[in-house]
Protein backbone atom coordinates (compact mmCIF):
# COMPACT_ATOMS: atom_id res chain seq x y z
CA MET A 1 64.32 -13.76 20.14
CA HIS A 2 65.56 -10.51 18.61
CA LEU A 3 63.74 -11.40 15.39
CA ILE A 4 60.41 -11.78 17.22
CA LYS A 5 60.95 -8.46 19.02
CA SER A 6 61.85 -6.74 15.75
CA LEU A 7 58.81 -8.17 13.95
CA SER A 8 56.43 -7.17 16.74
CA TYR A 9 57.96 -3.67 16.81
CA LEU A 10 57.61 -3.45 13.01
CA PHE A 11 53.95 -4.53 13.24
CA PHE A 12 53.34 -1.83 15.87
CA VAL A 13 55.03 0.85 13.72
CA VAL A 14 53.00 -0.21 10.63
CA ALA A 15 49.82 -0.05 12.72
CA LEU A 16 50.73 3.48 13.82
CA ILE A 17 51.38 4.56 10.23
CA ASN A 18 48.04 3.15 9.05
CA ASN A 19 46.17 4.71 12.01
CA ILE A 20 44.45 1.46 12.94
CA TYR A 21 45.00 -0.40 16.19
CA GLY A 22 43.88 -3.85 17.28
CA ILE A 23 43.51 -7.40 16.00
CA ASN A 24 41.52 -8.98 13.18
CA THR A 25 41.29 -12.74 12.67
CA ASN A 26 38.65 -14.92 11.05
CA VAL A 27 38.54 -18.63 10.13
CA LYS A 28 35.56 -20.13 8.30
CA ALA A 29 34.75 -23.47 6.67
CA THR A 30 31.57 -24.41 4.80
CA GLY A 31 30.58 -27.73 3.21
CA MET A 32 27.92 -26.50 0.74
CA GLN A 33 26.16 -23.18 0.27
CA TYR A 34 23.16 -22.08 -1.80
CA SER A 35 21.46 -18.68 -2.06
CA ILE A 36 18.88 -16.70 -4.03
CA THR A 37 18.65 -12.92 -4.43
CA GLY A 38 15.96 -10.59 -5.78
CA SER A 39 15.85 -6.80 -6.12
CA ALA A 40 13.51 -4.02 -7.23
CA GLY A 41 13.86 -0.30 -7.91
CA LYS A 42 16.76 1.83 -9.07
CA GLU A 43 19.94 2.31 -7.06
CA ASN A 44 20.43 5.76 -5.49
CA THR A 45 16.68 6.38 -5.65
CA LEU A 46 14.29 3.90 -4.06
CA TYR A 47 15.86 0.47 -4.13
CA GLY A 48 15.39 -2.75 -2.21
CA SER A 49 16.77 -6.24 -2.35
CA ALA A 50 16.28 -9.49 -0.50
CA ARG A 51 18.52 -12.53 -0.16
CA ALA A 52 17.98 -15.95 1.33
CA GLY A 53 20.60 -18.64 1.69
CA VAL A 54 21.39 -21.95 3.33
CA ALA A 55 24.78 -23.40 4.28
CA LEU A 56 25.41 -27.03 5.23
CA ALA A 57 28.15 -28.10 7.65
CA THR A 58 29.61 -24.72 8.54
CA ALA A 59 31.99 -23.60 11.28
CA GLU A 60 33.43 -20.17 12.03
CA THR A 61 35.52 -18.41 14.62
CA LYS A 62 36.39 -14.73 14.62
CA LEU A 63 37.87 -12.07 16.82
CA VAL A 64 38.03 -8.43 15.74
CA ALA A 65 38.87 -5.51 18.02
CA GLU A 66 39.83 -2.44 16.03
CA VAL A 67 40.05 1.27 16.75
CA TYR A 68 40.13 3.55 13.70
CA THR A 69 41.98 6.84 14.07
CA GLY A 70 42.16 7.90 10.43
CA ASN A 71 42.77 4.62 8.59
CA GLN A 72 41.21 5.12 5.12
CA GLY A 73 39.36 8.13 6.54
CA ARG A 74 37.64 6.13 9.31
CA TYR A 75 37.28 7.18 12.96
CA GLY A 76 35.58 4.86 15.46
CA ILE A 77 35.47 1.25 16.64
CA ASN A 78 34.72 -2.21 15.27
CA LEU A 79 34.24 -5.12 17.70
CA GLU A 80 33.33 -8.65 16.60
CA GLY A 81 33.72 -11.96 18.32
CA GLY A 82 32.30 -15.44 18.31
CA ILE A 83 32.65 -19.13 17.72
CA GLU A 84 29.96 -21.29 16.17
CA ALA A 85 29.28 -24.51 14.29
CA ALA A 86 26.06 -25.59 12.58
CA ALA A 87 24.79 -28.51 10.52
CA VAL A 88 22.29 -26.26 8.71
CA LYS A 89 22.45 -22.46 8.67
CA GLU A 90 19.58 -20.49 7.08
CA GLU A 91 19.80 -16.73 6.49
CA ALA A 92 17.45 -14.05 5.20
CA GLU A 93 18.57 -10.49 4.53
CA ARG A 94 16.72 -7.36 3.42
CA LYS A 95 18.46 -4.23 2.08
CA VAL A 96 16.99 -0.79 1.45
CA ASN A 97 18.53 2.22 -0.31
CA LEU A 98 16.68 5.54 0.13
CA TYR A 99 17.87 7.96 -2.55
CA GLY A 100 21.51 7.15 -1.85
CA ILE A 101 21.26 8.97 1.50
CA VAL A 102 20.41 6.07 3.84
CA ILE A 103 21.42 2.49 3.11
CA GLY A 104 20.33 -0.14 5.59
CA SER A 105 20.13 -3.88 5.89
CA ALA A 106 18.60 -6.27 8.39
CA LYS A 107 19.42 -9.94 8.73
CA ALA A 108 17.82 -12.90 10.50
CA GLU A 109 19.34 -16.34 10.91
CA VAL A 110 18.18 -19.77 12.08
CA ASN A 111 20.66 -22.57 12.80
CA LEU A 112 19.82 -26.26 13.23
CA GLY A 113 22.15 -28.68 14.99
CA ALA A 114 24.23 -25.71 16.09
CA ILE A 115 26.28 -24.54 19.02
CA GLY A 116 28.01 -21.22 19.64
CA THR A 117 27.56 -17.51 20.14
CA SER A 118 28.71 -14.29 18.48
CA ALA A 119 28.23 -10.54 18.69
CA THR A 120 29.15 -7.48 16.63
CA LEU A 121 29.21 -3.78 17.44
CA ALA A 122 30.65 -1.13 15.12
CA ALA A 123 30.32 2.65 15.01
CA TYR A 124 32.55 4.85 12.91
CA LYS A 125 32.64 7.99 10.80
CA ASP A 126 34.05 7.72 7.27
CA LYS A 127 35.51 10.97 5.92
CA THR A 128 36.06 9.57 2.41
CA ASP A 129 32.32 9.44 1.63
CA HIS A 130 31.07 11.67 4.51
CA SER A 131 29.09 8.86 6.16
CA ILE A 132 28.23 7.53 9.60
CA ASN A 133 28.21 3.72 9.89
CA LEU A 134 26.48 1.68 12.58
CA LYS A 135 26.39 -2.10 12.84
CA ALA A 136 25.16 -4.51 15.51
CA SER A 137 24.35 -8.21 15.58
CA SER A 138 24.02 -11.08 18.04
CA LYS A 139 23.59 -14.82 17.83
CA PHE A 140 23.17 -17.68 20.27
CA ALA A 141 22.88 -21.37 19.41
CA PHE A 142 22.42 -24.55 21.40
CA TRP A 143 21.03 -27.16 18.97
CA LEU A 144 18.67 -24.49 17.70
CA GLY A 145 20.25 -21.12 17.05
CA LEU A 146 18.76 -17.70 16.41
CA GLY A 147 20.54 -14.58 15.25
CA THR A 148 19.71 -11.07 14.12
CA GLY A 149 21.55 -7.94 13.10
CA PHE A 150 21.41 -4.64 11.27
CA ASP A 151 23.78 -2.44 9.28
CA LEU A 152 23.08 1.27 8.70
CA LYS A 153 24.99 3.82 6.62
CA ILE A 154 23.94 7.49 6.53
CA PHE A 155 25.59 9.88 4.06
CA VAL A 156 25.75 13.06 6.14
CA LYS A 157 26.78 15.42 3.32
CA LEU A 158 23.85 14.35 1.11
CA LEU A 159 21.45 14.56 4.06
CA ARG A 160 22.66 18.07 4.87
CA GLU A 161 22.25 19.11 1.22
CA LEU A 162 18.70 17.70 1.21
CA PHE A 163 17.59 19.85 4.16
CA PHE A 164 19.77 22.96 3.77
CA GLY A 165 20.55 23.01 0.05
CA LYS A 166 23.90 22.84 -1.64
CA ASP A 167 26.53 25.25 -0.37
CA ASP A 168 27.90 26.82 -3.57
CA ASN A 169 30.80 28.53 -1.79
CA SER A 170 32.27 25.29 -0.43
CA ASP A 171 32.20 23.63 -3.86
CA ASP A 172 33.99 26.58 -5.48
CA ALA A 173 36.61 26.51 -2.73
CA GLU A 174 37.19 22.79 -3.26
CA LYS A 175 37.52 23.20 -7.05
CA SER A 176 39.91 26.14 -6.98
CA GLY A 177 41.98 24.91 -4.06
CA ASP A 178 44.50 27.29 -2.49
CA SER A 179 45.65 28.93 -5.74
CA ASP A 180 45.27 32.62 -6.53
CA GLY A 181 43.73 32.14 -9.98
CA VAL A 182 41.22 29.81 -11.61
CA ILE A 183 41.97 27.83 -14.76
CA ILE A 184 39.07 27.41 -17.16
CA ASP A 185 39.60 24.94 -20.00
CA GLY A 186 37.55 22.84 -22.40
CA CYS A 187 37.05 25.59 -25.01
CA THR A 188 39.14 26.98 -27.87
CA THR A 189 40.64 29.59 -25.59
CA PHE A 190 41.38 29.36 -21.95
CA LEU A 191 41.97 31.95 -19.29
CA ILE A 192 44.61 31.84 -16.60
CA GLY A 193 44.29 34.06 -13.56
CA ASP A 194 41.56 36.48 -12.50
């Protein structure tokens, strides 16, 4: 009994250190899966891709309820839940990348010989790449199942630079840090200090 208490306390302490709270579990089994993908354009400019796939004899259950309070720079929530089984699962997905500022995807799904339901809702800010992330999806199946969802990522720093220009002062501050002088290297001589 003390061991179980100690382990649960340790898990709680680790969760506090990592700044993430909640549960995350997912079990999935698939008999066979086939897919095809095509893309056009150049990444970080105008870019698009499409994917279609089919899975035979698939079953999945998942439960995710997470609150991010700084874990890997993320702040927000991620909620996912559902249980489903399908004899045939067909998916189509479309992704778009607009100059590396907005990346979005939309997905549609049709299930045959299926039963189950699932839903997803996520909204969080990511400080590591200065982005806002939104995700939502839903699915319901009773012999015939339909599902849809979207995923959107907006890079706020790049968007701000697009409309207001690059702030030269903030970049210099980031490069020099808190030090009194600036070190310039990469030439035959280098200067230290002002």
